[in-house]
Amino acid sequence: MTEKLSEIRKDLFQKLKKDRCEHTTGVMYTASALAMCYGADIQSALTSGLLHDSGKYCSPKEQLRFCENHQIPLTGSEREMPALIHAKLGAYLAEHEYGIKDPEILGAILYHTTGRPEMSLLEKIIYIADYIEPNRKEIPGLREIRGIVFKDIDRAVYLSALGTVKYLNDIGRPVDPMTVRTYEFYKK
């Protein structure tokens, strides 16, 4: 791990709760393994994985207030489903607090929750690493996704988006339109 990454990790882990730090560590190392498998930049994967949940250092209400105070535009879905805000806030913090200027890393942080059609390889890696990291509790379909992700990342993205859409529909919660578009795009 580079010195800069170590500094970011030290600062970030003072702000996040213990279980969030464990999840973040799992995402970092899962992302780096996927980067090795698919030929992506390992340092970018580690950096994106480390910062993907940096916006979760505070409550959703505080995340909303921060975004409003810093003119970070939010969609109607993000306002309706505050659990989505941390991705946009995390990309902002990565750039403005931690000095990350690489648009690929910022995009991976921004889309790690909903995905998007035509994701870059790094975006797919962070999206799926967040879903499958070893600390995740077992959910329907997780074992299958873990089994194919190192052979077919697009299929893993599709199954992950499908699982999210199905789960939210089953419990009667709204689904972000971007997640639906991700599912539809990768279904092909």
C-alpha atoms as a PDB file:
ATOM      1  CA  MET A   1       0.000   0.000   0.000  1.00  0.00           C
ATOM      2  CA  THR A   2       1.388   3.417  -0.889  1.00  0.00           C
ATOM      3  CA  GLU A   3       2.189   6.000   1.753  1.00  0.00           C
ATOM      4  CA  LYS A   4      -0.689   8.225   0.604  1.00  0.00           C
ATOM      5  CA  LEU A   5      -3.122   5.319   0.833  1.00  0.00           C
ATOM      6  CA  SER A   6      -1.877   4.529   4.336  1.00  0.00           C
ATOM      7  CA  GLU A   7      -2.435   8.148   5.389  1.00  0.00           C
ATOM      8  CA  ILE A   8      -5.953   8.175   3.944  1.00  0.00           C
ATOM      9  CA  ARG A   9      -6.735   4.871   5.654  1.00  0.00           C
ATOM     10  CA  LYS A  10      -5.497   6.113   9.031  1.00  0.00           C
ATOM     11  CA  ASP A  11      -7.573   9.303   8.811  1.00  0.00           C
ATOM     12  CA  LEU A  12     -10.680   7.579   7.452  1.00  0.00           C
ATOM     13  CA  PHE A  13     -10.629   4.743   9.972  1.00  0.00           C
ATOM     14  CA  GLN A  14     -10.658   7.278  12.816  1.00  0.00           C
ATOM     15  CA  LYS A  15     -13.997   8.546  11.442  1.00  0.00           C
ATOM     16  CA  LEU A  16     -15.763   5.300  10.527  1.00  0.00           C
ATOM     17  CA  LYS A  17     -17.295   2.760  12.901  1.00  0.00           C
ATOM     18  CA  LYS A  18     -15.401  -0.504  13.448  1.00  0.00           C
ATOM     19  CA  ASP A  19     -17.759  -2.640  11.337  1.00  0.00           C
ATOM     20  CA  ARG A  20     -17.561  -0.103   8.480  1.00  0.00           C
ATOM     21  CA  CYS A  21     -13.743  -0.282   8.661  1.00  0.00           C
ATOM     22  CA  GLU A  22     -13.906  -4.083   8.421  1.00  0.00           C
ATOM     23  CA  HIS A  23     -16.264  -3.865   5.439  1.00  0.00           C
ATOM     24  CA  THR A  24     -14.027  -1.274   3.778  1.00  0.00           C
ATOM     25  CA  THR A  25     -10.962  -3.465   4.252  1.00  0.00           C
ATOM     26  CA  GLY A  26     -12.871  -6.375   2.697  1.00  0.00           C
ATOM     27  CA  VAL A  27     -13.868  -4.245  -0.297  1.00  0.00           C
ATOM     28  CA  MET A  28     -10.295  -2.987  -0.763  1.00  0.00           C
ATOM     29  CA  TYR A  29      -8.776  -6.434  -0.898  1.00  0.00           C
ATOM     30  CA  THR A  30     -11.585  -7.961  -2.954  1.00  0.00           C
ATOM     31  CA  ALA A  31     -11.217  -5.084  -5.418  1.00  0.00           C
ATOM     32  CA  SER A  32      -7.461  -5.585  -5.630  1.00  0.00           C
ATOM     33  CA  ALA A  33      -7.942  -9.316  -6.341  1.00  0.00           C
ATOM     34  CA  LEU A  34     -10.459  -8.496  -9.085  1.00  0.00           C
ATOM     35  CA  ALA A  35      -8.072  -5.867 -10.497  1.00  0.00           C
ATOM     36  CA  MET A  36      -5.326  -8.510 -10.686  1.00  0.00           C
ATOM     37  CA  CYS A  37      -7.696 -10.930 -12.380  1.00  0.00           C
ATOM     38  CA  TYR A  38      -8.954  -8.455 -15.000  1.00  0.00           C
ATOM     39  CA  GLY A  39      -5.781  -6.411 -15.556  1.00  0.00           C
ATOM     40  CA  ALA A  40      -7.026  -3.192 -13.928  1.00  0.00           C
ATOM     41  CA  ASP A  41      -4.786  -0.858 -11.949  1.00  0.00           C
ATOM     42  CA  ILE A  42      -4.380  -2.343  -8.459  1.00  0.00           C
ATOM     43  CA  GLN A  43      -3.663   0.971  -6.716  1.00  0.00           C
ATOM     44  CA  SER A  44      -6.800   2.516  -8.241  1.00  0.00           C
ATOM     45  CA  ALA A  45      -8.821  -0.472  -7.039  1.00  0.00           C
ATOM     46  CA  LEU A  46      -7.375  -0.196  -3.522  1.00  0.00           C
ATOM     47  CA  THR A  47      -7.992   3.569  -3.434  1.00  0.00           C
ATOM     48  CA  SER A  48     -11.563   3.268  -4.707  1.00  0.00           C
ATOM     49  CA  GLY A  49     -12.290   0.431  -2.314  1.00  0.00           C
ATOM     50  CA  LEU A  50     -10.876   2.379   0.608  1.00  0.00           C
ATOM     51  CA  LEU A  51     -12.905   5.509  -0.128  1.00  0.00           C
ATOM     52  CA  HIS A  52     -16.140   3.962  -1.435  1.00  0.00           C
ATOM     53  CA  ASP A  53     -17.990   4.362   1.896  1.00  0.00           C
ATOM     54  CA  SER A  54     -16.135   7.449   3.155  1.00  0.00           C
ATOM     55  CA  GLY A  55     -19.458   9.321   3.092  1.00  0.00           C
ATOM     56  CA  LYS A  56     -20.839   6.985   5.767  1.00  0.00           C
ATOM     57  CA  TYR A  57     -18.910   8.683   8.559  1.00  0.00           C
ATOM     58  CA  CYS A  58     -22.149  10.380   9.617  1.00  0.00           C
ATOM     59  CA  SER A  59     -25.916   9.781   9.576  1.00  0.00           C
ATOM     60  CA  PRO A  60     -28.007  10.074   6.387  1.00  0.00           C
ATOM     61  CA  LYS A  61     -29.520  13.326   7.712  1.00  0.00           C
ATOM     62  CA  GLU A  62     -26.039  14.766   8.190  1.00  0.00           C
ATOM     63  CA  GLN A  63     -25.015  13.512   4.737  1.00  0.00           C
ATOM     64  CA  LEU A  64     -27.996  15.334   3.241  1.00  0.00           C
ATOM     65  CA  ARG A  65     -27.147  18.522   5.132  1.00  0.00           C
ATOM     66  CA  PHE A  66     -23.500  18.300   4.016  1.00  0.00           C
ATOM     67  CA  CYS A  67     -24.564  17.940   0.375  1.00  0.00           C
ATOM     68  CA  GLU A  68     -26.932  20.891   0.649  1.00  0.00           C
ATOM     69  CA  ASN A  69     -24.246  23.040   2.320  1.00  0.00           C
ATOM     70  CA  HIS A  70     -21.688  22.183  -0.374  1.00  0.00           C
ATOM     71  CA  GLN A  71     -24.053  22.451  -3.375  1.00  0.00           C
ATOM     72  CA  ILE A  72     -23.703  18.758  -4.196  1.00  0.00           C
ATOM     73  CA  PRO A  73     -26.733  18.101  -6.431  1.00  0.00           C
ATOM     74  CA  LEU A  74     -28.964  15.210  -5.376  1.00  0.00           C
ATOM     75  CA  THR A  75     -31.536  13.356  -7.442  1.00  0.00           C
ATOM     76  CA  GLY A  76     -35.111  12.807  -6.343  1.00  0.00           C
ATOM     77  CA  SER A  77     -34.221   9.167  -5.686  1.00  0.00           C
ATOM     78  CA  GLU A  78     -31.353  10.150  -3.422  1.00  0.00           C
ATOM     79  CA  ARG A  79     -33.627  12.454  -1.449  1.00  0.00           C
ATOM     80  CA  GLU A  80     -36.284   9.717  -1.234  1.00  0.00           C
ATOM     81  CA  MET A  81     -33.713   7.029  -0.359  1.00  0.00           C
ATOM     82  CA  PRO A  82     -31.048   8.708   1.791  1.00  0.00           C
ATOM     83  CA  ALA A  83     -28.990   5.493   1.928  1.00  0.00           C
ATOM     84  CA  LEU A  84     -27.850   6.376  -1.615  1.00  0.00           C
ATOM     85  CA  ILE A  85     -26.381   9.765  -0.693  1.00  0.00           C
ATOM     86  CA  HIS A  86     -23.137   8.381   0.724  1.00  0.00           C
ATOM     87  CA  ALA A  87     -21.868   7.440  -2.753  1.00  0.00           C
ATOM     88  CA  LYS A  88     -22.096  10.983  -4.070  1.00  0.00           C
ATOM     89  CA  LEU A  89     -20.747  12.371  -0.805  1.00  0.00           C
ATOM     90  CA  GLY A  90     -17.904   9.831  -0.873  1.00  0.00           C
ATOM     91  CA  ALA A  91     -16.846  10.928  -4.365  1.00  0.00           C
ATOM     92  CA  TYR A  92     -16.891  14.556  -3.191  1.00  0.00           C
ATOM     93  CA  LEU A  93     -14.821  13.755  -0.087  1.00  0.00           C
ATOM     94  CA  ALA A  94     -12.356  11.674  -2.111  1.00  0.00           C
ATOM     95  CA  GLU A  95     -11.712  14.647  -4.359  1.00  0.00           C
ATOM     96  CA  HIS A  96     -11.912  17.565  -1.933  1.00  0.00           C
ATOM     97  CA  GLU A  97     -10.700  16.060   1.337  1.00  0.00           C
ATOM     98  CA  TYR A  98      -8.314  13.353   0.163  1.00  0.00           C
ATOM     99  CA  GLY A  99      -7.022  14.952  -3.048  1.00  0.00           C
ATOM    100  CA  ILE A 100      -8.094  12.209  -5.474  1.00  0.00           C
ATOM    101  CA  LYS A 101      -8.303  13.703  -8.971  1.00  0.00           C
ATOM    102  CA  ASP A 102      -8.528  10.530 -11.081  1.00  0.00           C
ATOM    103  CA  PRO A 103     -12.000  10.584 -12.693  1.00  0.00           C
ATOM    104  CA  GLU A 104     -12.032   6.783 -12.900  1.00  0.00           C
ATOM    105  CA  ILE A 105     -11.602   6.424  -9.144  1.00  0.00           C
ATOM    106  CA  LEU A 106     -14.203   9.116  -8.487  1.00  0.00           C
ATOM    107  CA  GLY A 107     -16.626   7.374 -10.857  1.00  0.00           C
ATOM    108  CA  ALA A 108     -16.078   4.028  -9.129  1.00  0.00           C
ATOM    109  CA  ILE A 109     -16.965   5.619  -5.790  1.00  0.00           C
ATOM    110  CA  LEU A 110     -19.927   7.499  -7.261  1.00  0.00           C
ATOM    111  CA  TYR A 111     -21.537   4.418  -8.865  1.00  0.00           C
ATOM    112  CA  HIS A 112     -20.621   1.718  -6.329  1.00  0.00           C
ATOM    113  CA  THR A 113     -24.179   1.551  -4.940  1.00  0.00           C
ATOM    114  CA  THR A 114     -26.399   1.777  -8.022  1.00  0.00           C
ATOM    115  CA  GLY A 115     -24.058   0.860 -10.826  1.00  0.00           C
ATOM    116  CA  ARG A 116     -24.787   2.320 -14.243  1.00  0.00           C
ATOM    117  CA  PRO A 117     -24.983   1.149 -17.842  1.00  0.00           C
ATOM    118  CA  GLU A 118     -21.594   0.882 -19.573  1.00  0.00           C
ATOM    119  CA  MET A 119     -19.515   0.998 -16.396  1.00  0.00           C
ATOM    120  CA  SER A 120     -15.746   1.171 -16.697  1.00  0.00           C
ATOM    121  CA  LEU A 121     -13.841  -1.887 -15.520  1.00  0.00           C
ATOM    122  CA  LEU A 122     -12.905  -0.135 -12.255  1.00  0.00           C
ATOM    123  CA  GLU A 123     -16.536   0.860 -11.655  1.00  0.00           C
ATOM    124  CA  LYS A 124     -17.614  -2.753 -12.120  1.00  0.00           C
ATOM    125  CA  ILE A 125     -14.868  -3.947  -9.799  1.00  0.00           C
ATOM    126  CA  ILE A 126     -15.896  -1.626  -6.948  1.00  0.00           C
ATOM    127  CA  TYR A 127     -19.618  -2.216  -7.514  1.00  0.00           C
ATOM    128  CA  ILE A 128     -19.204  -5.980  -7.268  1.00  0.00           C
ATOM    129  CA  ALA A 129     -16.476  -5.945  -4.577  1.00  0.00           C
ATOM    130  CA  ASP A 130     -18.863  -4.009  -2.337  1.00  0.00           C
ATOM    131  CA  TYR A 131     -21.503  -6.680  -2.916  1.00  0.00           C
ATOM    132  CA  ILE A 132     -19.360  -9.799  -2.427  1.00  0.00           C
ATOM    133  CA  GLU A 133     -16.624  -8.871   0.067  1.00  0.00           C
ATOM    134  CA  PRO A 134     -15.979 -11.605   2.651  1.00  0.00           C
ATOM    135  CA  ASN A 135     -17.597  -9.778   5.591  1.00  0.00           C
ATOM    136  CA  ARG A 136     -20.998  -9.631   3.868  1.00  0.00           C
ATOM    137  CA  LYS A 137     -23.689 -11.747   5.465  1.00  0.00           C
ATOM    138  CA  GLU A 138     -25.058 -14.495   3.270  1.00  0.00           C
ATOM    139  CA  ILE A 139     -27.936 -13.336   1.057  1.00  0.00           C
ATOM    140  CA  PRO A 140     -29.739 -15.161  -1.760  1.00  0.00           C
ATOM    141  CA  GLY A 141     -27.518 -15.412  -4.831  1.00  0.00           C
ATOM    142  CA  LEU A 142     -24.301 -14.281  -3.131  1.00  0.00           C
ATOM    143  CA  ARG A 143     -22.603 -17.683  -3.362  1.00  0.00           C
ATOM    144  CA  GLU A 144     -23.382 -17.862  -7.109  1.00  0.00           C
ATOM    145  CA  ILE A 145     -22.007 -14.364  -7.727  1.00  0.00           C
ATOM    146  CA  ARG A 146     -18.833 -15.130  -5.789  1.00  0.00           C
ATOM    147  CA  GLY A 147     -18.452 -18.276  -7.863  1.00  0.00           C
ATOM    148  CA  ILE A 148     -18.552 -16.541 -11.254  1.00  0.00           C
ATOM    149  CA  VAL A 149     -17.125 -13.061 -10.616  1.00  0.00           C
ATOM    150  CA  PHE A 150     -13.545 -14.089 -11.454  1.00  0.00           C
ATOM    151  CA  LYS A 151     -14.734 -15.655 -14.726  1.00  0.00           C
ATOM    152  CA  ASP A 152     -17.429 -13.216 -15.923  1.00  0.00           C
ATOM    153  CA  ILE A 153     -17.634  -9.857 -14.178  1.00  0.00           C
ATOM    154  CA  ASP A 154     -20.501  -8.608 -16.385  1.00  0.00           C
ATOM    155  CA  ARG A 155     -22.644 -11.601 -15.395  1.00  0.00           C
ATOM    156  CA  ALA A 156     -21.774 -10.950 -11.740  1.00  0.00           C
ATOM    157  CA  VAL A 157     -22.847  -7.291 -12.134  1.00  0.00           C
ATOM    158  CA  TYR A 158     -26.119  -8.415 -13.714  1.00  0.00           C
ATOM    159  CA  LEU A 159     -26.847 -10.911 -10.935  1.00  0.00           C
ATOM    160  CA  SER A 160     -25.984  -8.342  -8.268  1.00  0.00           C
ATOM    161  CA  ALA A 161     -28.281  -5.713  -9.779  1.00  0.00           C
ATOM    162  CA  LEU A 162     -31.016  -8.331 -10.200  1.00  0.00           C
ATOM    163  CA  GLY A 163     -30.634  -9.347  -6.544  1.00  0.00           C
ATOM    164  CA  THR A 164     -30.876  -5.726  -5.393  1.00  0.00           C
ATOM    165  CA  VAL A 165     -33.958  -4.983  -7.519  1.00  0.00           C
ATOM    166  CA  LYS A 166     -35.668  -8.205  -6.417  1.00  0.00           C
ATOM    167  CA  TYR A 167     -34.868  -7.676  -2.723  1.00  0.00           C
ATOM    168  CA  LEU A 168     -36.111  -4.069  -2.679  1.00  0.00           C
ATOM    169  CA  ASN A 169     -39.274  -5.009  -4.600  1.00  0.00           C
ATOM    170  CA  ASP A 170     -39.924  -7.926  -2.240  1.00  0.00           C
ATOM    171  CA  ILE A 171     -39.751  -5.720   0.856  1.00  0.00           C
ATOM    172  CA  GLY A 172     -41.770  -2.932  -0.765  1.00  0.00           C
ATOM    173  CA  ARG A 173     -38.981  -0.351  -0.881  1.00  0.00           C
ATOM    174  CA  PRO A 174     -38.325   1.956  -3.820  1.00  0.00           C
ATOM    175  CA  VAL A 175     -35.614   1.055  -6.303  1.00  0.00           C
ATOM    176  CA  ASP A 176     -33.320   3.718  -7.704  1.00  0.00           C
ATOM    177  CA  PRO A 177     -33.881   4.070 -11.471  1.00  0.00           C
ATOM    178  CA  MET A 178     -30.129   3.824 -12.081  1.00  0.00           C
ATOM    179  CA  THR A 179     -30.078   0.377 -10.449  1.00  0.00           C
ATOM    180  CA  VAL A 180     -32.902  -0.689 -12.781  1.00  0.00           C
ATOM    181  CA  ARG A 181     -30.975   0.675 -15.788  1.00  0.00           C
ATOM    182  CA  THR A 182     -27.876  -1.200 -14.616  1.00  0.00           C
ATOM    183  CA  TYR A 183     -29.866  -4.427 -14.352  1.00  0.00           C
ATOM    184  CA  GLU A 184     -31.440  -3.922 -17.801  1.00  0.00           C
ATOM    185  CA  PHE A 185     -28.121  -3.081 -19.461  1.00  0.00           C
ATOM    186  CA  TYR A 186     -26.210  -6.055 -18.057  1.00  0.00           C
ATOM    187  CA  LYS A 187     -29.126  -8.443 -18.612  1.00  0.00           C
ATOM    188  CA  LYS A 188     -28.250  -8.436 -22.327  1.00  0.00           C
END
